[in-house]
Every structure is written in structure tokens, then in C-alpha cells.
Amino acid sequence: MIIQAAAPAVADRLAQNLWIDTTGNANTPKRWSGSAWVAVTDKAATDAAAAAASALALAQTKADATVVNNLTL
């Protein structure tokens, strides 16, 4: 799973890769069709994208809190 705003690198253009396009905070799940990244519309994929985005946000919050705590000690 690739989570970023920019389209994945050429080496990552594989049908089995799921790209969470974070452009505009939309978190749109996309798969490589063989010629373009296309939005995935099945429920399992969109649920996985939402869970991944939530986990990433939580991890970033915890990482930021750790840095702040270390700076204030």
C-alpha cells in the first residue's frame, strides 16, 4: 500500500499495489489498470483505505507528540 499525494513511481505501477491518493485529503484508493491509476470503488478496498488513512494519522500524531515531549523534557 502506497500512501501519498503524488502518483507512485513507475516501478510501483503494479496491479496488486493499492495507492491511497491523499490529494486534497480525499484519501482515494486507486489501482494500476495497466495504463493509468483508476479509483477503486469496491467496499473492501475503500474500507481498507479509510483504515490505512486513520492509522497513518494516528501514527503521525503519536510521532509528533513524542518529539514535543522530548523537546520539553
N, C-alpha and C. Protein backbone atom coordinates (compact mmCIF):
# COMPACT_ATOMS: atom_id res chain seq x y z
N MET A 1 0.85 -1.16 0.00
CA MET A 1 0.00 0.00 0.00
C MET A 1 0.90 1.23 0.00
N ILE A 2 0.59 2.15 -0.87
CA ILE A 2 1.35 3.40 -1.01
C ILE A 2 0.41 4.54 -0.63
N ILE A 3 0.86 5.37 0.31
CA ILE A 3 0.02 6.48 0.77
C ILE A 3 0.77 7.79 0.52
N GLN A 4 0.30 8.56 -0.47
CA GLN A 4 0.93 9.83 -0.82
C GLN A 4 0.06 10.57 -1.83
N ALA A 5 0.38 11.85 -2.03
CA ALA A 5 -0.38 12.66 -2.98
C ALA A 5 0.09 12.46 -4.42
N ALA A 6 1.38 12.28 -4.61
CA ALA A 6 1.93 12.13 -5.96
C ALA A 6 1.74 10.70 -6.46
N ALA A 7 1.51 10.57 -7.75
CA ALA A 7 1.38 9.23 -8.34
C ALA A 7 2.64 8.43 -8.06
N PRO A 8 2.50 7.15 -7.74
CA PRO A 8 3.66 6.31 -7.45
C PRO A 8 4.63 6.22 -8.63
N ALA A 9 5.85 5.88 -8.29
CA ALA A 9 6.92 5.74 -9.29
C ALA A 9 6.58 4.64 -10.29
N VAL A 10 7.22 4.69 -11.43
CA VAL A 10 7.00 3.70 -12.50
C VAL A 10 7.17 2.28 -11.96
N ALA A 11 8.17 2.06 -11.11
CA ALA A 11 8.43 0.73 -10.57
C ALA A 11 7.27 0.20 -9.72
N ASP A 12 6.44 1.09 -9.22
CA ASP A 12 5.30 0.70 -8.38
C ASP A 12 4.00 0.56 -9.16
N ARG A 13 4.05 0.68 -10.46
CA ARG A 13 2.85 0.54 -11.30
C ARG A 13 2.53 -0.94 -11.49
N LEU A 14 1.99 -1.53 -10.44
CA LEU A 14 1.65 -2.94 -10.44
C LEU A 14 0.19 -3.09 -10.04
N ALA A 15 -0.53 -3.99 -10.69
CA ALA A 15 -1.96 -4.17 -10.42
C ALA A 15 -2.24 -4.51 -8.97
N GLN A 16 -1.30 -5.19 -8.30
CA GLN A 16 -1.53 -5.59 -6.91
C GLN A 16 -1.29 -4.46 -5.91
N ASN A 17 -0.71 -3.35 -6.35
CA ASN A 17 -0.47 -2.22 -5.45
C ASN A 17 -1.72 -1.37 -5.30
N LEU A 18 -2.00 -1.00 -4.07
CA LEU A 18 -3.09 -0.07 -3.78
C LEU A 18 -2.45 1.25 -3.42
N TRP A 19 -2.82 2.30 -4.14
CA TRP A 19 -2.31 3.64 -3.87
C TRP A 19 -3.43 4.44 -3.23
N ILE A 20 -3.16 4.99 -2.05
CA ILE A 20 -4.11 5.89 -1.41
C ILE A 20 -3.68 7.30 -1.80
N ASP A 21 -4.42 7.89 -2.72
CA ASP A 21 -4.12 9.23 -3.23
C ASP A 21 -4.65 10.24 -2.22
N THR A 22 -3.72 10.92 -1.54
CA THR A 22 -4.10 11.85 -0.47
C THR A 22 -4.33 13.27 -0.96
N THR A 23 -4.35 13.47 -2.27
CA THR A 23 -4.58 14.80 -2.83
C THR A 23 -5.85 15.41 -2.26
N GLY A 24 -5.74 16.61 -1.72
CA GLY A 24 -6.89 17.32 -1.16
C GLY A 24 -7.50 16.61 0.03
N ASN A 25 -6.70 15.78 0.71
CA ASN A 25 -7.17 14.99 1.86
C ASN A 25 -8.34 14.08 1.51
N ALA A 26 -8.43 13.67 0.25
CA ALA A 26 -9.54 12.82 -0.18
C ALA A 26 -9.32 11.34 0.15
N ASN A 27 -8.06 10.91 0.26
CA ASN A 27 -7.72 9.51 0.54
C ASN A 27 -8.45 8.55 -0.40
N THR A 28 -8.25 8.75 -1.70
CA THR A 28 -8.91 7.96 -2.72
C THR A 28 -8.09 6.71 -3.04
N PRO A 29 -8.65 5.50 -2.83
CA PRO A 29 -7.91 4.29 -3.18
C PRO A 29 -7.89 4.11 -4.70
N LYS A 30 -6.70 3.79 -5.22
CA LYS A 30 -6.55 3.60 -6.67
C LYS A 30 -5.69 2.39 -6.93
N ARG A 31 -5.93 1.74 -8.07
CA ARG A 31 -5.12 0.61 -8.55
C ARG A 31 -4.64 0.92 -9.96
N TRP A 32 -3.50 0.31 -10.32
CA TRP A 32 -2.94 0.46 -11.66
C TRP A 32 -3.72 -0.43 -12.63
N SER A 33 -4.24 0.16 -13.69
CA SER A 33 -5.05 -0.58 -14.67
C SER A 33 -4.22 -1.19 -15.79
N GLY A 34 -2.96 -0.85 -15.82
CA GLY A 34 -2.10 -1.25 -16.93
C GLY A 34 -1.69 -0.04 -17.74
N SER A 35 -2.47 1.04 -17.59
CA SER A 35 -2.14 2.27 -18.31
C SER A 35 -2.39 3.53 -17.48
N ALA A 36 -3.12 3.39 -16.36
CA ALA A 36 -3.41 4.56 -15.53
C ALA A 36 -3.83 4.11 -14.13
N TRP A 37 -3.73 5.02 -13.16
CA TRP A 37 -4.24 4.77 -11.82
C TRP A 37 -5.72 5.11 -11.84
N VAL A 38 -6.57 4.13 -11.49
CA VAL A 38 -8.02 4.34 -11.51
C VAL A 38 -8.59 4.13 -10.10
N ALA A 39 -9.61 4.91 -9.79
CA ALA A 39 -10.23 4.82 -8.47
C ALA A 39 -10.87 3.44 -8.28
N VAL A 40 -10.69 2.91 -7.09
CA VAL A 40 -11.29 1.64 -6.71
C VAL A 40 -12.61 1.95 -6.02
N THR A 41 -13.65 1.23 -6.40
CA THR A 41 -14.96 1.54 -5.84
C THR A 41 -15.55 0.41 -5.00
N ASP A 42 -14.85 -0.75 -4.90
CA ASP A 42 -15.46 -1.81 -4.09
C ASP A 42 -15.30 -1.51 -2.60
N LYS A 43 -16.25 -1.95 -1.81
CA LYS A 43 -16.33 -1.60 -0.40
C LYS A 43 -15.11 -2.06 0.39
N ALA A 44 -14.59 -3.26 0.13
CA ALA A 44 -13.43 -3.76 0.88
C ALA A 44 -12.23 -2.84 0.68
N ALA A 45 -12.02 -2.38 -0.54
CA ALA A 45 -10.88 -1.50 -0.81
C ALA A 45 -11.07 -0.13 -0.18
N THR A 46 -12.27 0.41 -0.25
CA THR A 46 -12.48 1.73 0.33
C THR A 46 -12.42 1.67 1.85
N ASP A 47 -12.89 0.56 2.45
CA ASP A 47 -12.75 0.39 3.90
C ASP A 47 -11.28 0.27 4.29
N ALA A 48 -10.49 -0.45 3.49
CA ALA A 48 -9.06 -0.59 3.76
C ALA A 48 -8.36 0.76 3.65
N ALA A 49 -8.75 1.55 2.68
CA ALA A 49 -8.15 2.88 2.51
C ALA A 49 -8.46 3.76 3.71
N ALA A 50 -9.69 3.71 4.18
CA ALA A 50 -10.08 4.52 5.34
C ALA A 50 -9.31 4.08 6.58
N ALA A 51 -9.17 2.77 6.77
CA ALA A 51 -8.43 2.26 7.93
C ALA A 51 -6.96 2.65 7.84
N ALA A 52 -6.37 2.58 6.65
CA ALA A 52 -4.97 2.95 6.47
C ALA A 52 -4.76 4.43 6.74
N ALA A 53 -5.64 5.26 6.25
CA ALA A 53 -5.51 6.71 6.47
C ALA A 53 -5.65 7.03 7.95
N SER A 54 -6.56 6.36 8.63
CA SER A 54 -6.76 6.58 10.06
C SER A 54 -5.52 6.15 10.84
N ALA A 55 -4.97 4.99 10.51
CA ALA A 55 -3.77 4.50 11.18
C ALA A 55 -2.59 5.44 10.95
N LEU A 56 -2.45 5.93 9.73
CA LEU A 56 -1.37 6.87 9.42
C LEU A 56 -1.51 8.15 10.23
N ALA A 57 -2.71 8.68 10.30
CA ALA A 57 -2.94 9.91 11.07
C ALA A 57 -2.62 9.69 12.54
N LEU A 58 -3.02 8.55 13.09
CA LEU A 58 -2.74 8.25 14.49
C LEU A 58 -1.23 8.12 14.72
N ALA A 59 -0.55 7.43 13.81
CA ALA A 59 0.90 7.27 13.94
C ALA A 59 1.61 8.61 13.87
N GLN A 60 1.18 9.48 12.98
CA GLN A 60 1.80 10.80 12.87
C GLN A 60 1.55 11.62 14.12
N THR A 61 0.37 11.52 14.70
CA THR A 61 0.06 12.24 15.93
C THR A 61 0.95 11.76 17.06
N LYS A 62 1.10 10.45 17.18
CA LYS A 62 1.94 9.89 18.24
C LYS A 62 3.40 10.27 18.03
N ALA A 63 3.86 10.24 16.78
CA ALA A 63 5.25 10.62 16.49
C ALA A 63 5.47 12.08 16.83
N ASP A 64 4.53 12.94 16.47
CA ASP A 64 4.65 14.36 16.77
C ASP A 64 4.65 14.60 18.27
N ALA A 65 3.81 13.88 19.02
CA ALA A 65 3.74 14.03 20.47
C ALA A 65 5.05 13.60 21.12
N THR A 66 5.67 12.54 20.60
CA THR A 66 6.94 12.07 21.14
C THR A 66 8.02 13.12 20.96
N VAL A 67 8.08 13.74 19.80
CA VAL A 67 9.07 14.79 19.53
C VAL A 67 8.86 15.96 20.47
N VAL A 68 7.62 16.38 20.63
CA VAL A 68 7.31 17.50 21.53
C VAL A 68 7.72 17.16 22.95
N ASN A 69 7.39 15.96 23.41
CA ASN A 69 7.75 15.55 24.76
C ASN A 69 9.26 15.55 24.95
N ASN A 70 9.99 15.08 23.97
CA ASN A 70 11.45 15.05 24.08
C ASN A 70 12.03 16.45 24.11
N LEU A 71 11.42 17.38 23.40
CA LEU A 71 11.92 18.76 23.39
C LEU A 71 11.63 19.49 24.68
N THR A 72 10.58 19.10 25.38
CA THR A 72 10.19 19.82 26.58
C THR A 72 10.74 19.20 27.85
N LEU A 73 11.42 18.08 27.75
CA LEU A 73 11.99 17.44 28.95
C LEU A 73 13.22 18.13 29.44
